[in-house]
PDB file of N, CA and C in Angstrom:
ATOM      1  N   UNK A   1     121.927  45.162  65.589  1.00  0.00           N
ATOM      2  CA  UNK A   1     122.324  43.782  65.409  1.00  0.00           C
ATOM      3  C   UNK A   1     122.679  43.180  66.765  1.00  0.00           C
ATOM      4  N   UNK A   2     122.167  42.013  67.053  1.00  0.00           N
ATOM      5  CA  UNK A   2     122.406  41.366  68.345  1.00  0.00           C
ATOM      6  C   UNK A   2     123.812  40.788  68.407  1.00  0.00           C
ATOM      7  N   UNK A   3     124.413  40.900  69.582  1.00  0.00           N
ATOM      8  CA  UNK A   3     125.735  40.332  69.822  1.00  0.00           C
ATOM      9  C   UNK A   3     125.604  38.874  70.230  1.00  0.00           C
ATOM     10  N   UNK A   4     126.655  38.115  69.974  1.00  0.00           N
ATOM     11  CA  UNK A   4     126.709  36.744  70.481  1.00  0.00           C
ATOM     12  C   UNK A   4     126.905  36.811  71.990  1.00  0.00           C
ATOM     13  N   UNK A   5     126.331  35.886  72.711  1.00  0.00           N
ATOM     14  CA  UNK A   5     126.449  35.872  74.171  1.00  0.00           C
ATOM     15  C   UNK A   5     127.630  34.994  74.557  1.00  0.00           C
ATOM     16  N   UNK A   6     128.537  35.569  75.362  1.00  0.00           N
ATOM     17  CA  UNK A   6     129.720  34.851  75.840  1.00  0.00           C
ATOM     18  C   UNK A   6     129.301  33.776  76.847  1.00  0.00           C
ATOM     19  N   UNK A   7     130.138  32.752  77.063  1.00  0.00           N
ATOM     20  CA  UNK A   7     129.830  31.728  78.070  1.00  0.00           C
ATOM     21  C   UNK A   7     129.746  32.330  79.470  1.00  0.00           C
ATOM     22  N   UNK A   8     129.172  31.575  80.368  1.00  0.00           N
ATOM     23  CA  UNK A   8     129.067  32.011  81.762  1.00  0.00           C
ATOM     24  C   UNK A   8     130.459  32.251  82.332  1.00  0.00           C
ATOM     25  N   UNK A   9     130.686  33.392  82.974  1.00  0.00           N
ATOM     26  CA  UNK A   9     132.009  33.685  83.520  1.00  0.00           C
ATOM     27  C   UNK A   9     132.351  32.842  84.741  1.00  0.00           C
ATOM     28  N   UNK A  10     131.385  32.173  85.320  1.00  0.00           N
ATOM     29  CA  UNK A  10     131.627  31.444  86.559  1.00  0.00           C
ATOM     30  C   UNK A  10     131.745  29.936  86.357  1.00  0.00           C
ATOM     31  N   UNK A  11     130.974  29.383  85.409  1.00  0.00           N
ATOM     32  CA  UNK A  11     131.057  27.931  85.194  1.00  0.00           C
ATOM     33  C   UNK A  11     131.407  27.586  83.747  1.00  0.00           C
ATOM     34  N   UNK A  12     131.540  28.600  82.894  1.00  0.00           N
ATOM     35  CA  UNK A  12     131.900  28.476  81.482  1.00  0.00           C
ATOM     36  C   UNK A  12     130.853  27.763  80.634  1.00  0.00           C
ATOM     37  N   UNK A  13     129.651  27.615  81.162  1.00  0.00           N
ATOM     38  CA  UNK A  13     128.569  26.986  80.419  1.00  0.00           C
ATOM     39  C   UNK A  13     128.059  27.908  79.325  1.00  0.00           C
ATOM     40  N   UNK A  14     127.615  27.331  78.257  1.00  0.00           N
ATOM     41  CA  UNK A  14     126.962  28.080  77.201  1.00  0.00           C
ATOM     42  C   UNK A  14     125.447  27.929  77.263  1.00  0.00           C
ATOM     43  N   UNK A  15     124.956  27.283  78.322  1.00  0.00           N
ATOM     44  CA  UNK A  15     123.521  27.051  78.491  1.00  0.00           C
ATOM     45  C   UNK A  15     122.917  28.284  79.161  1.00  0.00           C
ATOM     46  N   UNK A  16     122.644  29.307  78.359  1.00  0.00           N
ATOM     47  CA  UNK A  16     122.204  30.603  78.861  1.00  0.00           C
ATOM     48  C   UNK A  16     120.792  30.911  78.386  1.00  0.00           C
ATOM     49  N   UNK A  17     120.124  31.737  79.129  1.00  0.00           N
ATOM     50  CA  UNK A  17     118.742  32.095  78.834  1.00  0.00           C
ATOM     51  C   UNK A  17     118.587  33.603  78.993  1.00  0.00           C
ATOM     52  N   UNK A  18     117.833  34.211  78.106  1.00  0.00           N
ATOM     53  CA  UNK A  18     117.507  35.634  78.225  1.00  0.00           C
ATOM     54  C   UNK A  18     116.153  35.733  78.911  1.00  0.00           C
ATOM     55  N   UNK A  19     116.112  36.463  80.019  1.00  0.00           N
ATOM     56  CA  UNK A  19     114.838  36.658  80.709  1.00  0.00           C
ATOM     57  C   UNK A  19     114.395  38.104  80.554  1.00  0.00           C
ATOM     58  N   UNK A  20     113.093  38.286  80.575  1.00  0.00           N
ATOM     59  CA  UNK A  20     112.533  39.631  80.536  1.00  0.00           C
ATOM     60  C   UNK A  20     111.554  39.753  81.685  1.00  0.00           C
ATOM     61  N   UNK A  21     111.760  40.781  82.496  1.00  0.00           N
ATOM     62  CA  UNK A  21     110.875  41.055  83.617  1.00  0.00           C
ATOM     63  C   UNK A  21     110.371  42.481  83.438  1.00  0.00           C
ATOM     64  N   UNK A  22     109.161  42.599  82.946  1.00  0.00           N
ATOM     65  CA  UNK A  22     108.657  43.935  82.624  1.00  0.00           C
ATOM     66  C   UNK A  22     109.496  44.522  81.510  1.00  0.00           C
ATOM     67  N   UNK A  23     110.014  45.731  81.715  1.00  0.00           N
ATOM     68  CA  UNK A  23     110.792  46.362  80.654  1.00  0.00           C
ATOM     69  C   UNK A  23     112.280  45.969  80.666  1.00  0.00           C
ATOM     70  N   UNK A  24     112.716  45.133  81.617  1.00  0.00           N
ATOM     71  CA  UNK A  24     114.156  44.853  81.706  1.00  0.00           C
ATOM     72  C   UNK A  24     114.496  43.427  81.275  1.00  0.00           C
ATOM     73  N   UNK A  25     115.713  43.304  80.743  1.00  0.00           N
ATOM     74  CA  UNK A  25     116.245  42.030  80.271  1.00  0.00           C
ATOM     75  C   UNK A  25     117.451  41.649  81.107  1.00  0.00           C
ATOM     76  N   UNK A  26     117.708  40.358  81.214  1.00  0.00           N
ATOM     77  CA  UNK A  26     118.928  39.889  81.859  1.00  0.00           C
ATOM     78  C   UNK A  26     119.271  38.510  81.332  1.00  0.00           C
ATOM     79  N   UNK A  27     120.553  38.164  81.414  1.00  0.00           N
ATOM     80  CA  UNK A  27     121.046  36.864  80.984  1.00  0.00           C
ATOM     81  C   UNK A  27     121.188  35.999  82.229  1.00  0.00           C
ATOM     82  N   UNK A  28     120.725  34.754  82.145  1.00  0.00           N
ATOM     83  CA  UNK A  28     120.794  33.829  83.273  1.00  0.00           C
ATOM     84  C   UNK A  28     121.462  32.544  82.797  1.00  0.00           C
ATOM     85  N   UNK A  29     122.449  32.078  83.553  1.00  0.00           N
ATOM     86  CA  UNK A  29     123.081  30.792  83.271  1.00  0.00           C
ATOM     87  C   UNK A  29     122.172  29.694  83.818  1.00  0.00           C
ATOM     88  N   UNK A  30     121.793  28.765  82.965  1.00  0.00           N
ATOM     89  CA  UNK A  30     120.914  27.679  83.389  1.00  0.00           C
ATOM     90  C   UNK A  30     121.674  26.601  84.155  1.00  0.00           C
ATOM     91  N   UNK A  31     123.005  26.619  84.088  1.00  0.00           N
ATOM     92  CA  UNK A  31     123.810  25.623  84.798  1.00  0.00           C
ATOM     93  C   UNK A  31     124.064  26.010  86.247  1.00  0.00           C
ATOM     94  N   UNK A  32     124.587  27.249  86.461  1.00  0.00           N
ATOM     95  CA  UNK A  32     124.934  27.652  87.834  1.00  0.00           C
ATOM     96  C   UNK A  32     124.004  28.724  88.390  1.00  0.00           C
ATOM     97  N   UNK A  33     123.056  29.181  87.587  1.00  0.00           N
ATOM     98  CA  UNK A  33     122.035  30.161  87.978  1.00  0.00           C
ATOM     99  C   UNK A  33     122.572  31.575  88.191  1.00  0.00           C
ATOM    100  N   UNK A  34     123.779  31.879  87.714  1.00  0.00           N
ATOM    101  CA  UNK A  34     124.296  33.251  87.772  1.00  0.00           C
ATOM    102  C   UNK A  34     123.425  34.137  86.899  1.00  0.00           C
ATOM    103  N   UNK A  35     123.284  35.389  87.322  1.00  0.00           N
ATOM    104  CA  UNK A  35     122.473  36.347  86.572  1.00  0.00           C
ATOM    105  C   UNK A  35     123.298  37.582  86.251  1.00  0.00           C
ATOM    106  N   UNK A  36     123.090  38.086  85.054  1.00  0.00           N
ATOM    107  CA  UNK A  36     123.705  39.347  84.676  1.00  0.00           C
ATOM    108  C   UNK A  36     122.847  40.501  85.155  1.00  0.00           C
ATOM    109  N   UNK A  37     123.325  41.718  84.953  1.00  0.00           N
ATOM    110  CA  UNK A  37     122.548  42.889  85.370  1.00  0.00           C
ATOM    111  C   UNK A  37     121.307  43.069  84.513  1.00  0.00           C
ATOM    112  N   UNK A  38     120.268  43.603  85.112  1.00  0.00           N
ATOM    113  CA  UNK A  38     119.041  43.923  84.383  1.00  0.00           C
ATOM    114  C   UNK A  38     119.252  45.237  83.637  1.00  0.00           C
ATOM    115  N   UNK A  39     118.878  45.238  82.367  1.00  0.00           N
ATOM    116  CA  UNK A  39     118.988  46.429  81.525  1.00  0.00           C
ATOM    117  C   UNK A  39     117.695  46.604  80.736  1.00  0.00           C
ATOM    118  N   UNK A  40     117.357  47.848  80.434  1.00  0.00           N
ATOM    119  CA  UNK A  40     116.125  48.136  79.693  1.00  0.00           C
ATOM    120  C   UNK A  40     116.213  47.768  78.216  1.00  0.00           C
ATOM    121  N   UNK A  41     117.397  47.612  77.705  1.00  0.00           N
ATOM    122  CA  UNK A  41     117.602  47.212  76.310  1.00  0.00           C
ATOM    123  C   UNK A  41     118.282  45.843  76.296  1.00  0.00           C
ATOM    124  N   UNK A  42     117.782  44.946  75.454  1.00  0.00           N
ATOM    125  CA  UNK A  42     118.364  43.604  75.354  1.00  0.00           C
ATOM    126  C   UNK A  42     119.840  43.666  74.995  1.00  0.00           C
ATOM    127  N   UNK A  43     120.183  44.503  74.023  1.00  0.00           N
ATOM    128  CA  UNK A  43     121.584  44.618  73.598  1.00  0.00           C
ATOM    129  C   UNK A  43     122.483  45.059  74.756  1.00  0.00           C
ATOM    130  N   UNK A  44     122.007  45.951  75.616  1.00  0.00           N
ATOM    131  CA  UNK A  44     122.790  46.390  76.774  1.00  0.00           C
ATOM    132  C   UNK A  44     122.964  45.257  77.784  1.00  0.00           C
ATOM    133  N   UNK A  45     121.935  44.439  77.966  1.00  0.00           N
ATOM    134  CA  UNK A  45     122.042  43.298  78.884  1.00  0.00           C
ATOM    135  C   UNK A  45     123.089  42.313  78.375  1.00  0.00           C
ATOM    136  N   UNK A  46     123.080  42.062  77.072  1.00  0.00           N
ATOM    137  CA  UNK A  46     124.071  41.154  76.478  1.00  0.00           C
ATOM    138  C   UNK A  46     125.469  41.752  76.584  1.00  0.00           C
ATOM    139  N   UNK A  47     125.608  43.041  76.275  1.00  0.00           N
ATOM    140  CA  UNK A  47     126.916  43.698  76.359  1.00  0.00           C
ATOM    141  C   UNK A  47     127.486  43.635  77.777  1.00  0.00           C
ATOM    142  N   UNK A  48     126.649  43.871  78.783  1.00  0.00           N
ATOM    143  CA  UNK A  48     127.122  43.829  80.169  1.00  0.00           C
ATOM    144  C   UNK A  48     127.503  42.419  80.581  1.00  0.00           C
ATOM    145  N   UNK A  49     126.722  41.436  80.152  1.00  0.00           N
ATOM    146  CA  UNK A  49     127.057  40.029  80.434  1.00  0.00           C
ATOM    147  C   UNK A  49     128.409  39.690  79.812  1.00  0.00           C
ATOM    148  N   UNK A  50     128.584  40.055  78.549  1.00  0.00           N
ATOM    149  CA  UNK A  50     129.833  39.748  77.852  1.00  0.00           C
ATOM    150  C   UNK A  50     131.024  40.450  78.482  1.00  0.00           C
ATOM    151  N   UNK A  51     130.849  41.681  78.901  1.00  0.00           N
ATOM    152  CA  UNK A  51     131.928  42.416  79.560  1.00  0.00           C
ATOM    153  C   UNK A  51     132.330  41.712  80.855  1.00  0.00           C
ATOM    154  N   UNK A  52     131.343  41.323  81.641  1.00  0.00           N
ATOM    155  CA  UNK A  52     131.621  40.598  82.889  1.00  0.00           C
ATOM    156  C   UNK A  52     132.312  39.279  82.582  1.00  0.00           C
ATOM    157  N   UNK A  53     131.818  38.571  81.582  1.00  0.00           N
ATOM    158  CA  UNK A  53     132.403  37.282  81.219  1.00  0.00           C
ATOM    159  C   UNK A  53     133.879  37.437  80.850  1.00  0.00           C
ATOM    160  N   UNK A  54     134.173  38.413  80.007  1.00  0.00           N
ATOM    161  CA  UNK A  54     135.568  38.616  79.586  1.00  0.00           C
ATOM    162  C   UNK A  54     136.464  39.013  80.757  1.00  0.00           C
ATOM    163  N   UNK A  55     135.962  39.874  81.637  1.00  0.00           N
ATOM    164  CA  UNK A  55     136.766  40.318  82.790  1.00  0.00           C
ATOM    165  C   UNK A  55     137.047  39.165  83.745  1.00  0.00           C
ATOM    166  N   UNK A  56     136.022  38.404  84.085  1.00  0.00           N
ATOM    167  CA  UNK A  56     136.198  37.305  85.047  1.00  0.00           C
ATOM    168  C   UNK A  56     137.108  36.235  84.461  1.00  0.00           C
ATOM    169  N   UNK A  57     136.900  35.874  83.208  1.00  0.00           N
ATOM    170  CA  UNK A  57     137.740  34.845  82.593  1.00  0.00           C
ATOM    171  C   UNK A  57     139.176  35.336  82.485  1.00  0.00           C
ATOM    172  N   UNK A  58     139.375  36.610  82.155  1.00  0.00           N
ATOM    173  CA  UNK A  58     140.718  37.173  82.076  1.00  0.00           C
ATOM    174  C   UNK A  58     141.395  37.183  83.443  1.00  0.00           C
ATOM    175  N   UNK A  59     140.664  37.592  84.476  1.00  0.00           N
ATOM    176  CA  UNK A  59     141.222  37.595  85.832  1.00  0.00           C
ATOM    177  C   UNK A  59     141.540  36.181  86.298  1.00  0.00           C
ATOM    178  N   UNK A  60     140.682  35.237  85.975  1.00  0.00           N
ATOM    179  CA  UNK A  60     140.914  33.845  86.357  1.00  0.00           C
ATOM    180  C   UNK A  60     142.162  33.302  85.685  1.00  0.00           C
ATOM    181  N   UNK A  61     142.325  33.594  84.413  1.00  0.00           N
ATOM    182  CA  UNK A  61     143.505  33.130  83.686  1.00  0.00           C
ATOM    183  C   UNK A  61     144.765  33.752  84.263  1.00  0.00           C
ATOM    184  N   UNK A  62     144.713  35.037  84.610  1.00  0.00           N
ATOM    185  CA  UNK A  62     145.870  35.698  85.209  1.00  0.00           C
ATOM    186  C   UNK A  62     146.214  35.116  86.558  1.00  0.00           C
ATOM    187  N   UNK A  63     145.210  34.795  87.354  1.00  0.00           N
ATOM    188  CA  UNK A  63     145.450  34.213  88.677  1.00  0.00           C
ATOM    189  C   UNK A  63     146.086  32.846  88.545  1.00  0.00           C
ATOM    190  N   UNK A  64     145.629  32.068  87.571  1.00  0.00           N
ATOM    191  CA  UNK A  64     146.193  30.731  87.372  1.00  0.00           C
ATOM    192  C   UNK A  64     147.633  30.843  86.905  1.00  0.00           C
ATOM    193  N   UNK A  65     147.916  31.766  85.992  1.00  0.00           N
ATOM    194  CA  UNK A  65     149.264  31.913  85.449  1.00  0.00           C
ATOM    195  C   UNK A  65     150.250  32.472  86.465  1.00  0.00           C
ATOM    196  N   UNK A  66     149.773  33.178  87.484  1.00  0.00           N
ATOM    197  CA  UNK A  66     150.668  33.792  88.466  1.00  0.00           C
ATOM    198  C   UNK A  66     150.783  32.984  89.755  1.00  0.00           C
ATOM    199  N   UNK A  67     150.260  31.768  89.766  1.00  0.00           N
ATOM    200  CA  UNK A  67     150.346  30.938  90.961  1.00  0.00           C
ATOM    201  C   UNK A  67     151.797  30.496  91.176  1.00  0.00           C
ATOM    202  N   UNK A  68     152.249  30.498  92.416  1.00  0.00           N
ATOM    203  CA  UNK A  68     153.605  30.009  92.675  1.00  0.00           C
ATOM    204  C   UNK A  68     153.678  28.510  92.421  1.00  0.00           C
ATOM    205  N   UNK A  69     154.852  28.035  92.058  1.00  0.00           N
ATOM    206  CA  UNK A  69     155.069  26.614  91.845  1.00  0.00           C
ATOM    207  C   UNK A  69     155.276  25.967  93.206  1.00  0.00           C
ATOM    208  N   UNK A  70     154.289  25.220  93.657  1.00  0.00           N
ATOM    209  CA  UNK A  70     154.325  24.641  94.996  1.00  0.00           C
ATOM    210  C   UNK A  70     154.898  23.232  95.020  1.00  0.00           C
ATOM    211  N   UNK A  71     155.343  22.763  93.867  1.00  0.00           N
ATOM    212  CA  UNK A  71     155.964  21.436  93.850  1.00  0.00           C
ATOM    213  C   UNK A  71     157.290  21.494  94.596  1.00  0.00           C
ATOM    214  N   UNK A  72     157.772  20.346  94.989  1.00  0.00           N
ATOM    215  CA  UNK A  72     159.057  20.304  95.697  1.00  0.00           C
ATOM    216  C   UNK A  72     160.156  20.801  94.752  1.00  0.00           C
ATOM    217  N   UNK A  73     161.244  21.334  95.304  1.00  0.00           N
ATOM    218  CA  UNK A  73     162.314  21.862  94.453  1.00  0.00           C
ATOM    219  C   UNK A  73     162.835  20.833  93.452  1.00  0.00           C
ATOM    220  N   UNK A  74     162.871  19.571  93.811  1.00  0.00           N
ATOM    221  CA  UNK A  74     163.394  18.567  92.877  1.00  0.00           C
ATOM    222  C   UNK A  74     162.464  18.394  91.675  1.00  0.00           C
ATOM    223  N   UNK A  75     161.170  18.570  91.874  1.00  0.00           N
ATOM    224  CA  UNK A  75     160.243  18.451  90.752  1.00  0.00           C
ATOM    225  C   UNK A  75     160.316  19.673  89.856  1.00  0.00           C
ATOM    226  N   UNK A  76     160.598  20.853  90.436  1.00  0.00           N
ATOM    227  CA  UNK A  76     160.691  22.078  89.633  1.00  0.00           C
ATOM    228  C   UNK A  76     161.903  22.040  88.718  1.00  0.00           C
ATOM    229  N   UNK A  77     163.005  21.477  89.194  1.00  0.00           N
ATOM    230  CA  UNK A  77     164.226  21.478  88.388  1.00  0.00           C
ATOM    231  C   UNK A  77     164.370  20.219  87.547  1.00  0.00           C
ATOM    232  N   UNK A  78     163.538  19.221  87.815  1.00  0.00           N
ATOM    233  CA  UNK A  78     163.631  17.971  87.061  1.00  0.00           C
ATOM    234  C   UNK A  78     164.625  16.999  87.667  1.00  0.00           C
ATOM    235  N   UNK A  79     165.270  17.354  88.784  1.00  0.00           N
ATOM    236  CA  UNK A  79     166.203  16.448  89.465  1.00  0.00           C
ATOM    237  C   UNK A  79     165.489  15.720  90.587  1.00  0.00           C
ATOM    238  N   UNK A  80     165.760  14.446  90.731  1.00  0.00           N
ATOM    239  CA  UNK A  80     165.091  13.660  91.785  1.00  0.00           C
ATOM    240  C   UNK A  80     166.046  13.244  92.856  1.00  0.00           C
TER     241      UNK A  80
END
């Protein structure tokens, strides 16, 4: 059974294309042109794309959540 393809990990686009070059498959984002790894099985190409997508999106969310508050101290405390 085929897996659903996750959005692009780099631009979050859902405009994706499956390419086949000889015996190998890969997922390509039509928006930013990112490519997933080539795999001999379509399901493996999708699984690797999805794994990368989840990891990058998770790391991006963690980086955003751990950013220091660079606003002035008065804005952080609500006092002006």
